[in-house]
C-alpha atoms as a PDB file:
ATOM      1  CA  MET A   1      -6.454 -12.237   2.137  1.00  0.00           C
ATOM      2  CA  ASP A   2      -3.872  -9.431   3.159  1.00  0.00           C
ATOM      3  CA  ILE A   3      -4.485  -5.947   1.719  1.00  0.00           C
ATOM      4  CA  SER A   4      -0.682  -5.851   0.303  1.00  0.00           C
ATOM      5  CA  PHE A   5      -1.598  -8.569  -1.673  1.00  0.00           C
ATOM      6  CA  LEU A   6      -4.729  -7.090  -2.902  1.00  0.00           C
ATOM      7  CA  VAL A   7      -3.508  -3.970  -3.739  1.00  0.00           C
ATOM      8  CA  GLY A   8      -0.663  -5.670  -5.625  1.00  0.00           C
ATOM      9  CA  LEU A   9      -3.181  -7.935  -7.607  1.00  0.00           C
ATOM     10  CA  ILE A  10      -5.366  -5.034  -8.507  1.00  0.00           C
ATOM     11  CA  PHE A  11      -2.471  -2.699  -9.662  1.00  0.00           C
ATOM     12  CA  GLY A  12      -1.111  -5.494 -11.770  1.00  0.00           C
ATOM     13  CA  ILE A  13      -4.527  -6.431 -13.374  1.00  0.00           C
ATOM     14  CA  LEU A  14      -5.090  -2.557 -14.336  1.00  0.00           C
ATOM     15  CA  THR A  15      -1.477  -2.113 -15.766  1.00  0.00           C
ATOM     16  CA  GLN A  16      -1.088  -5.306 -17.327  1.00  0.00           C
ATOM     17  CA  TYR A  17      -4.549  -5.108 -19.048  1.00  0.00           C
ATOM     18  CA  SER A  18      -4.899  -1.041 -19.699  1.00  0.00           C
ATOM     19  CA  ASP A  19      -5.167  -1.855 -23.651  1.00  0.00           C
ATOM     20  CA  PHE A  20      -8.385  -3.535 -22.894  1.00  0.00           C
ATOM     21  CA  TYR A  21     -10.387  -0.721 -20.893  1.00  0.00           C
ATOM     22  CA  LEU A  22      -8.520   2.609 -21.483  1.00  0.00           C
ATOM     23  CA  PRO A  23      -9.742   2.869 -25.177  1.00  0.00           C
ATOM     24  CA  TYR A  24     -13.301   2.938 -23.882  1.00  0.00           C
ATOM     25  CA  LEU A  25     -12.395   5.546 -20.745  1.00  0.00           C
ATOM     26  CA  LEU A  26      -9.777   7.782 -22.610  1.00  0.00           C
ATOM     27  CA  PRO A  27     -11.145   7.262 -26.360  1.00  0.00           C
ATOM     28  CA  PHE A  28      -8.612   8.912 -28.724  1.00  0.00           C
ATOM     29  CA  ARG A  29     -10.410  11.801 -30.704  1.00  0.00           C
ATOM     30  CA  PRO A  30      -7.793  13.610 -33.087  1.00  0.00           C
ATOM     31  CA  SER A  31      -8.451  17.132 -33.651  1.00  0.00           C
ATOM     32  CA  PRO A  32      -8.478  18.046 -37.676  1.00  0.00           C
ATOM     33  CA  GLY A  33      -4.968  18.028 -38.836  1.00  0.00           C
ATOM     34  CA  GLN A  34      -3.591  16.566 -35.754  1.00  0.00           C
ATOM     35  CA  VAL A  35      -2.857  13.157 -37.686  1.00  0.00           C
ATOM     36  CA  ARG A  36      -0.534  13.953 -40.551  1.00  0.00           C
ATOM     37  CA  TRP A  37       0.545  10.375 -41.525  1.00  0.00           C
ATOM     38  CA  LYS A  38      -0.428   6.890 -41.518  1.00  0.00           C
ATOM     39  CA  LEU A  39       0.492   4.664 -38.665  1.00  0.00           C
ATOM     40  CA  VAL A  40       2.973   2.985 -40.888  1.00  0.00           C
ATOM     41  CA  GLN A  41       4.906   6.134 -41.271  1.00  0.00           C
ATOM     42  CA  TYR A  42       4.529   6.760 -37.482  1.00  0.00           C
ATOM     43  CA  GLU A  43       6.218   3.886 -36.807  1.00  0.00           C
ATOM     44  CA  GLN A  44       9.275   4.649 -39.167  1.00  0.00           C
ATOM     45  CA  LEU A  45       9.788   7.912 -37.300  1.00  0.00           C
ATOM     46  CA  TYR A  46       9.037   6.851 -33.771  1.00  0.00           C
ATOM     47  CA  ALA A  47       8.926   3.394 -33.070  1.00  0.00           C
ATOM     48  CA  GLY A  48      13.013   3.563 -32.114  1.00  0.00           C
ATOM     49  CA  TYR A  49      12.148   5.949 -29.371  1.00  0.00           C
ATOM     50  CA  HIS A  50       9.436   3.953 -28.087  1.00  0.00           C
ATOM     51  CA  LYS A  51      11.748   1.100 -27.537  1.00  0.00           C
ATOM     52  CA  LEU A  52      14.409   3.327 -25.941  1.00  0.00           C
ATOM     53  CA  ALA A  53      11.775   4.859 -23.584  1.00  0.00           C
ATOM     54  CA  VAL A  54      10.508   1.456 -22.178  1.00  0.00           C
ATOM     55  CA  TRP A  55      13.554   0.717 -21.139  1.00  0.00           C
ATOM     56  CA  TYR A  56      14.312   4.062 -19.865  1.00  0.00           C
ATOM     57  CA  PHE A  57      10.894   3.923 -17.955  1.00  0.00           C
ATOM     58  CA  ALA A  58      11.723   0.570 -16.483  1.00  0.00           C
ATOM     59  CA  ALA A  59      14.866   2.278 -14.913  1.00  0.00           C
ATOM     60  CA  LEU A  60      13.196   4.903 -13.534  1.00  0.00           C
ATOM     61  CA  ILE A  61      10.353   2.787 -11.832  1.00  0.00           C
ATOM     62  CA  ILE A  62      13.302   1.179 -10.216  1.00  0.00           C
ATOM     63  CA  GLY A  63      15.142   4.136  -9.396  1.00  0.00           C
ATOM     64  CA  LEU A  64      11.918   6.196  -8.050  1.00  0.00           C
ATOM     65  CA  ALA A  65      10.422   3.276  -5.997  1.00  0.00           C
ATOM     66  CA  ALA A  66      13.999   3.268  -4.228  1.00  0.00           C
ATOM     67  CA  ALA A  67      13.367   6.549  -3.446  1.00  0.00           C
ATOM     68  CA  TRP A  68       9.977   6.592  -2.338  1.00  0.00           C
ATOM     69  CA  ASP A  69      11.008   3.451  -0.113  1.00  0.00           C
ATOM     70  CA  PHE A  70      13.639   5.897   1.448  1.00  0.00           C
ATOM     71  CA  LEU A  71      10.973   8.551   2.031  1.00  0.00           C
ATOM     72  CA  LEU A  72       8.555   6.502   3.154  1.00  0.00           C
ATOM     73  CA  ARG A  73      11.331   4.937   5.756  1.00  0.00           C
ATOM     74  CA  ILE A  74      11.613   8.351   7.214  1.00  0.00           C
ATOM     75  CA  LEU A  75       8.011   8.785   7.276  1.00  0.00           C
ATOM     76  CA  ARG A  76       7.422   5.507   9.557  1.00  0.00           C
ATOM     77  CA  ALA A  77      10.219   6.898  12.142  1.00  0.00           C
ATOM     78  CA  LEU A  78       8.425  10.283  12.431  1.00  0.00           C
ATOM     79  CA  ALA A  79       4.823   8.658  12.235  1.00  0.00           C
ATOM     80  CA  TYR A  80       5.541   5.640  14.781  1.00  0.00           C
ATOM     81  CA  PRO A  81       6.601   6.043  18.616  1.00  0.00           C
ATOM     82  CA  ASP A  82       9.985   4.997  19.209  1.00  0.00           C
ATOM     83  CA  LEU A  83       9.946   1.911  21.583  1.00  0.00           C
ATOM     84  CA  SER A  84      13.151   0.578  21.191  1.00  0.00           C
ATOM     85  CA  GLU A  85      14.314   1.028  24.543  1.00  0.00           C
ATOM     86  CA  ALA A  86      10.963  -0.612  26.325  1.00  0.00           C
ATOM     87  CA  GLY A  87       7.633  -1.582  24.842  1.00  0.00           C
ATOM     88  CA  VAL A  88       6.259  -3.364  21.964  1.00  0.00           C
ATOM     89  CA  LEU A  89       5.129  -1.613  18.906  1.00  0.00           C
ATOM     90  CA  LEU A  90       2.674  -3.493  16.292  1.00  0.00           C
ATOM     91  CA  THR A  91       2.430  -1.826  12.912  1.00  0.00           C
ATOM     92  CA  SER A  92       1.553  -2.668   9.250  1.00  0.00           C
ATOM     93  CA  THR A  93       3.753  -4.988   7.800  1.00  0.00           C
ATOM     94  CA  GLU A  94       6.717  -4.314   5.497  1.00  0.00           C
ATOM     95  CA  PRO A  95       5.216  -5.811   2.061  1.00  0.00           C
ATOM     96  CA  ARG A  96       2.328  -3.268   2.612  1.00  0.00           C
ATOM     97  CA  TRP A  97       4.996  -0.417   2.761  1.00  0.00           C
ATOM     98  CA  ILE A  98       6.783  -1.876  -0.653  1.00  0.00           C
ATOM     99  CA  ILE A  99       3.731  -2.001  -2.537  1.00  0.00           C
ATOM    100  CA  ALA A 100       3.162   1.945  -1.835  1.00  0.00           C
ATOM    101  CA  ALA A 101       6.884   2.783  -2.694  1.00  0.00           C
ATOM    102  CA  LEU A 102       6.270   0.741  -6.122  1.00  0.00           C
ATOM    103  CA  VAL A 103       3.167   2.275  -6.911  1.00  0.00           C
ATOM    104  CA  ALA A 104       4.371   5.979  -6.373  1.00  0.00           C
ATOM    105  CA  GLY A 105       7.556   4.984  -8.073  1.00  0.00           C
ATOM    106  CA  TYR A 106       5.390   3.582 -11.375  1.00  0.00           C
ATOM    107  CA  ALA A 107       3.192   6.914 -10.856  1.00  0.00           C
ATOM    108  CA  SER A 108       6.321   9.074 -10.589  1.00  0.00           C
ATOM    109  CA  ALA A 109       8.180   7.325 -13.571  1.00  0.00           C
ATOM    110  CA  ILE A 110       5.365   8.330 -15.989  1.00  0.00           C
ATOM    111  CA  PRO A 111       5.843  12.239 -16.167  1.00  0.00           C
ATOM    112  CA  ALA A 112       9.608  11.764 -15.486  1.00  0.00           C
ATOM    113  CA  SER A 113       9.922   9.730 -19.043  1.00  0.00           C
ATOM    114  CA  GLN A 114       7.918  12.189 -20.833  1.00  0.00           C
ATOM    115  CA  GLY A 115       9.649  14.903 -19.690  1.00  0.00           C
ATOM    116  CA  ALA A 116      12.852  13.281 -21.044  1.00  0.00           C
ATOM    117  CA  LEU A 117      11.217  12.525 -24.330  1.00  0.00           C
ATOM    118  CA  LEU A 118      10.194  15.918 -24.539  1.00  0.00           C
ATOM    119  CA  VAL A 119      13.703  17.043 -23.955  1.00  0.00           C
ATOM    120  CA  ILE A 120      14.773  14.805 -26.881  1.00  0.00           C
ATOM    121  CA  LEU A 121      12.027  15.031 -29.450  1.00  0.00           C
ATOM    122  CA  THR A 122      11.457  18.793 -28.754  1.00  0.00           C
ATOM    123  CA  ARG A 123       8.557  20.050 -31.381  1.00  0.00           C
ATOM    124  CA  ARG A 124       8.053  16.419 -32.573  1.00  0.00           C
ATOM    125  CA  TYR A 125       6.973  15.046 -28.859  1.00  0.00           C
ATOM    126  CA  PRO A 126       3.304  16.225 -29.957  1.00  0.00           C
ATOM    127  CA  ASP A 127       3.604  13.772 -33.124  1.00  0.00           C
ATOM    128  CA  TYR A 128       4.847  10.985 -31.278  1.00  0.00           C
ATOM    129  CA  LEU A 129       2.042  11.204 -28.612  1.00  0.00           C
ATOM    130  CA  VAL A 130      -0.272  10.743 -31.546  1.00  0.00           C
ATOM    131  CA  TYR A 131       1.552   7.717 -32.702  1.00  0.00           C
ATOM    132  CA  ARG A 132       1.407   6.142 -28.921  1.00  0.00           C
ATOM    133  CA  SER A 133      -2.232   7.065 -28.806  1.00  0.00           C
ATOM    134  CA  MET A 134      -2.786   5.517 -32.634  1.00  0.00           C
ATOM    135  CA  LYS A 135      -0.956   2.214 -31.516  1.00  0.00           C
ATOM    136  CA  SER A 136      -2.869   1.967 -28.194  1.00  0.00           C
ATOM    137  CA  GLY A 137      -6.226   3.272 -29.112  1.00  0.00           C
ATOM    138  CA  TYR A 138      -6.373   5.582 -26.103  1.00  0.00           C
ATOM    139  CA  ASP A 139      -5.711   9.297 -25.584  1.00  0.00           C
ATOM    140  CA  LYS A 140      -1.963   9.336 -24.337  1.00  0.00           C
ATOM    141  CA  ARG A 141      -1.787  12.934 -23.508  1.00  0.00           C
ATOM    142  CA  LEU A 142      -4.701  12.340 -21.344  1.00  0.00           C
ATOM    143  CA  PHE A 143      -3.455   9.048 -19.885  1.00  0.00           C
ATOM    144  CA  ASN A 144       0.210  10.839 -18.908  1.00  0.00           C
ATOM    145  CA  ARG A 145      -1.891  13.765 -16.984  1.00  0.00           C
ATOM    146  CA  ILE A 146      -4.687  11.777 -15.272  1.00  0.00           C
ATOM    147  CA  PHE A 147      -3.326   8.639 -14.337  1.00  0.00           C
ATOM    148  CA  PRO A 148      -0.456   9.317 -12.372  1.00  0.00           C
ATOM    149  CA  ALA A 149      -2.360  11.671 -10.291  1.00  0.00           C
ATOM    150  CA  LEU A 150      -5.012   8.852  -9.549  1.00  0.00           C
ATOM    151  CA  LEU A 151      -2.398   6.620  -8.462  1.00  0.00           C
ATOM    152  CA  LEU A 152      -0.687   9.194  -6.471  1.00  0.00           C
ATOM    153  CA  CYS A 153      -3.741  10.146  -4.805  1.00  0.00           C
ATOM    154  CA  THR A 154      -4.563   6.687  -3.956  1.00  0.00           C
ATOM    155  CA  VAL A 155      -1.063   6.065  -2.735  1.00  0.00           C
ATOM    156  CA  THR A 156      -1.329   8.964  -0.415  1.00  0.00           C
ATOM    157  CA  GLY A 157      -4.510   7.843   1.388  1.00  0.00           C
ATOM    158  CA  PHE A 158      -2.815   4.071   1.556  1.00  0.00           C
ATOM    159  CA  VAL A 159       0.317   5.579   3.266  1.00  0.00           C
ATOM    160  CA  TYR A 160      -1.959   7.923   5.516  1.00  0.00           C
ATOM    161  CA  TYR A 161      -3.667   4.538   6.544  1.00  0.00           C
ATOM    162  CA  LEU A 162      -0.538   2.840   7.085  1.00  0.00           C
ATOM    163  CA  ALA A 163       1.047   5.504   9.227  1.00  0.00           C
ATOM    164  CA  THR A 164      -2.195   6.252  11.510  1.00  0.00           C
ATOM    165  CA  SER A 165      -3.100   2.692  12.208  1.00  0.00           C
ATOM    166  CA  TYR A 166      -0.854   0.943  14.891  1.00  0.00           C
ATOM    167  CA  THR A 167      -0.810  -0.448  18.517  1.00  0.00           C
ATOM    168  CA  ALA A 168       1.863   0.727  20.839  1.00  0.00           C
ATOM    169  CA  PHE A 169       2.323  -1.168  24.323  1.00  0.00           C
ATOM    170  CA  THR A 170       4.116   0.884  26.193  1.00  0.00           C
ATOM    171  CA  GLU A 171       5.723   0.516  29.812  1.00  0.00           C
ATOM    172  CA  ASP A 172       2.314   2.051  31.601  1.00  0.00           C
ATOM    173  CA  HIS A 173      -0.303   2.100  29.023  1.00  0.00           C
ATOM    174  CA  VAL A 174      -1.662   0.665  25.733  1.00  0.00           C
ATOM    175  CA  GLU A 175      -2.107   3.284  22.824  1.00  0.00           C
ATOM    176  CA  ILE A 176      -4.382   1.846  20.347  1.00  0.00           C
ATOM    177  CA  ARG A 177      -4.439   4.387  17.024  1.00  0.00           C
ATOM    178  CA  ARG A 178      -6.917   3.806  14.287  1.00  0.00           C
ATOM    179  CA  THR A 179      -7.461   5.176  11.350  1.00  0.00           C
ATOM    180  CA  PHE A 180     -10.433   7.781  11.172  1.00  0.00           C
ATOM    181  CA  ARG A 181     -11.501   6.642  14.516  1.00  0.00           C
ATOM    182  CA  PRO A 182     -10.611   8.079  18.218  1.00  0.00           C
ATOM    183  CA  THR A 183      -7.306   6.743  19.563  1.00  0.00           C
ATOM    184  CA  LEU A 184      -7.944   4.524  22.448  1.00  0.00           C
ATOM    185  CA  VAL A 185      -5.374   4.393  25.569  1.00  0.00           C
ATOM    186  CA  TYR A 186      -5.738   2.080  28.131  1.00  0.00           C
ATOM    187  CA  GLY A 187      -3.575   1.403  31.422  1.00  0.00           C
ATOM    188  CA  TYR A 188      -2.785  -2.288  31.940  1.00  0.00           C
ATOM    189  CA  HIS A 189      -5.262  -2.360  34.893  1.00  0.00           C
ATOM    190  CA  ASP A 190      -8.001  -2.071  32.313  1.00  0.00           C
ATOM    191  CA  ILE A 191      -7.350  -5.470  30.962  1.00  0.00           C
ATOM    192  CA  VAL A 192      -9.416  -8.219  32.190  1.00  0.00           C
ATOM    193  CA  GLU A 193      -9.034 -10.960  30.148  1.00  0.00           C
ATOM    194  CA  ILE A 194      -5.862 -11.990  27.417  1.00  0.00           C
ATOM    195  CA  ARG A 195      -6.851 -15.409  25.270  1.00  0.00           C
ATOM    196  CA  GLY A 196      -6.055 -17.452  22.317  1.00  0.00           C
ATOM    197  CA  ALA A 197      -8.695 -18.515  20.431  1.00  0.00           C
ATOM    198  CA  LYS A 198      -9.226 -20.607  17.045  1.00  0.00           C
ATOM    199  CA  GLY A 199     -11.920 -21.231  14.543  1.00  0.00           C
ATOM    200  CA  ARG A 200     -14.614 -18.753  14.424  1.00  0.00           C
ATOM    201  CA  VAL A 201     -14.238 -15.931  17.168  1.00  0.00           C
ATOM    202  CA  THR A 202     -16.508 -13.098  17.784  1.00  0.00           C
ATOM    203  CA  ILE A 203     -14.705  -9.974  18.439  1.00  0.00           C
ATOM    204  CA  ASN A 204     -16.497  -6.633  18.927  1.00  0.00           C
ATOM    205  CA  GLY A 205     -19.687  -8.270  17.921  1.00  0.00           C
ATOM    206  CA  LYS A 206     -18.480  -9.421  14.767  1.00  0.00           C
ATOM    207  CA  THR A 207     -17.881 -13.083  14.043  1.00  0.00           C
ATOM    208  CA  LYS A 208     -14.804 -14.260  11.708  1.00  0.00           C
ATOM    209  CA  LYS A 209     -13.272 -17.430  11.130  1.00  0.00           C
ATOM    210  CA  TYR A 210      -9.188 -17.494  12.127  1.00  0.00           C
ATOM    211  CA  LYS A 211      -7.552 -20.656  10.683  1.00  0.00           C
ATOM    212  CA  LYS A 212      -4.148 -19.490  12.345  1.00  0.00           C
ATOM    213  CA  GLY A 213      -6.167 -18.673  15.400  1.00  0.00           C
ATOM    214  CA  VAL A 214      -6.142 -14.892  17.345  1.00  0.00           C
ATOM    215  CA  TYR A 215      -5.087 -13.356  20.355  1.00  0.00           C
ATOM    216  CA  VAL A 216      -7.913 -11.191  22.103  1.00  0.00           C
ATOM    217  CA  ILE A 217      -6.960  -8.727  24.793  1.00  0.00           C
ATOM    218  CA  GLU A 218     -10.343  -7.531  26.284  1.00  0.00           C
ATOM    219  CA  PHE A 219     -10.606  -4.389  28.326  1.00  0.00           C
ATOM    220  CA  ALA A 220     -12.589  -3.240  31.016  1.00  0.00           C
ATOM    221  CA  ASP A 221     -14.898  -1.026  28.841  1.00  0.00           C
ATOM    222  CA  GLY A 222     -15.875  -3.895  27.006  1.00  0.00           C
ATOM    223  CA  PHE A 223     -13.433  -3.222  23.848  1.00  0.00           C
ATOM    224  CA  GLN A 224     -11.504  -6.266  22.234  1.00  0.00           C
ATOM    225  CA  TRP A 225      -8.330  -5.674  20.852  1.00  0.00           C
ATOM    226  CA  HIS A 226      -6.492  -8.090  17.994  1.00  0.00           C
ATOM    227  CA  MET A 227      -3.870  -7.418  15.473  1.00  0.00           C
ATOM    228  CA  TRP A 228      -6.169  -5.708  12.707  1.00  0.00           C
ATOM    229  CA  GLN A 229      -6.404  -2.985  15.578  1.00  0.00           C
ATOM    230  CA  ALA A 230      -2.402  -2.445  14.649  1.00  0.00           C
ATOM    231  CA  GLY A 231      -3.484  -2.272  10.963  1.00  0.00           C
ATOM    232  CA  ALA A 232      -1.764  -5.618  10.748  1.00  0.00           C
ATOM    233  CA  PRO A 233      -2.718  -9.088   9.278  1.00  0.00           C
ATOM    234  CA  ASN A 234      -3.543 -11.339  11.939  1.00  0.00           C
ATOM    235  CA  ASN A 235      -0.750 -13.577  12.679  1.00  0.00           C
ATOM    236  CA  PRO A 236      -0.658 -15.241  16.150  1.00  0.00           C
ATOM    237  CA  CYS A 237       3.409 -15.643  15.620  1.00  0.00           C
ATOM    238  CA  ARG A 238       4.336 -12.088  15.143  1.00  0.00           C
ATOM    239  CA  GLY A 239       1.625 -10.871  17.765  1.00  0.00           C
ATOM    240  CA  TYR A 240       2.895 -13.018  20.537  1.00  0.00           C
ATOM    241  CA  ALA A 241       5.505 -10.648  21.770  1.00  0.00           C
ATOM    242  CA  ALA A 242       2.996  -8.062  22.089  1.00  0.00           C
ATOM    243  CA  VAL A 243       0.493 -10.010  24.004  1.00  0.00           C
ATOM    244  CA  ALA A 244       3.033 -11.552  26.362  1.00  0.00           C
ATOM    245  CA  PHE A 245       4.519  -8.032  27.249  1.00  0.00           C
ATOM    246  CA  ALA A 246       0.577  -6.981  27.996  1.00  0.00           C
ATOM    247  CA  ALA A 247      -0.013 -10.192  29.878  1.00  0.00           C
ATOM    248  CA  ALA A 248       3.468  -9.455  31.988  1.00  0.00           C
ATOM    249  CA  ARG A 249       2.365  -5.664  32.821  1.00  0.00           C
ATOM    250  CA  SER A 250      -1.197  -6.612  33.375  1.00  0.00           C
ATOM    251  CA  ARG A 251      -0.538  -9.869  35.744  1.00  0.00           C
ATOM    252  CA  GLN A 252      -3.099 -11.422  33.563  1.00  0.00           C
ATOM    253  CA  ALA A 253      -2.732 -15.167  32.336  1.00  0.00           C
ATOM    254  CA  ILE A 254      -3.119 -15.921  28.407  1.00  0.00           C
ATOM    255  CA  THR A 255      -5.991 -18.263  28.515  1.00  0.00           C
ATOM    256  CA  GLY A 256      -7.085 -20.603  25.654  1.00  0.00           C
ATOM    257  CA  PRO A 257      -5.309 -22.589  23.245  1.00  0.00           C
ATOM    258  CA  ASP A 258      -1.676 -22.671  22.594  1.00  0.00           C
ATOM    259  CA  LEU A 259      -1.278 -20.776  19.490  1.00  0.00           C
ATOM    260  CA  GLN A 260       2.600 -20.827  19.482  1.00  0.00           C
ATOM    261  CA  ALA A 261       3.056 -24.322  18.677  1.00  0.00           C
ATOM    262  CA  ARG A 262       3.031 -23.823  14.891  1.00  0.00           C
ATOM    263  CA  CYS A 263       5.709 -21.027  15.860  1.00  0.00           C
ATOM    264  CA  LYS A 264       8.545 -23.124  17.109  1.00  0.00           C
END
């Protein structure tokens, strides 16, 4: 399962079913005198503002996600080496970056929308928070402070992983960047074998089943590379260009089954 799908699924579940678990994590415990009216009276005063806030919040998510996507594209250009003239660069796939931009947009939209409500409601904004807390069952004030910060911290870690995981096949060497692990640099003369494999395959001592197949590059020190080392999901079709480039530079033949049959 691709990590981008998993992150998106978890994020969707957490946001869709927040009313089920947040009352236990952030229970609304009003201080004496904080609740001035019954819920019905709050509804009459602030239900309209909430409907307006929902539409505004949705528009903010779209706009801020687009802004974050633009910023993350700049970050990618700075983080990844430029191999446009010669070489092949394998990085994390586009859906992972889109997920990061969407989550960051959602997290940024919360304080932005609440700031707009504060400007509109001014002194009545605390009453609005009481109304939303009574309606949802959890403390909206704490939610607006904690949840965006947690999301942005999570996105920061995820983006750091994406930006620091790649494999660059340059004209004269292979650079393997791995998050929280030492960078590995090999010359093409260090390559001892390039092979395709299917089914259960052992790579660096770990055995895993590859239904689509996997390309493996083994170096003289015993280290074995495959696409997971580039922070990307294993895809023989996408990885073939890098493998073929390495084979041409190292003058090694690609052995094993033909994994390109399904790509044609």
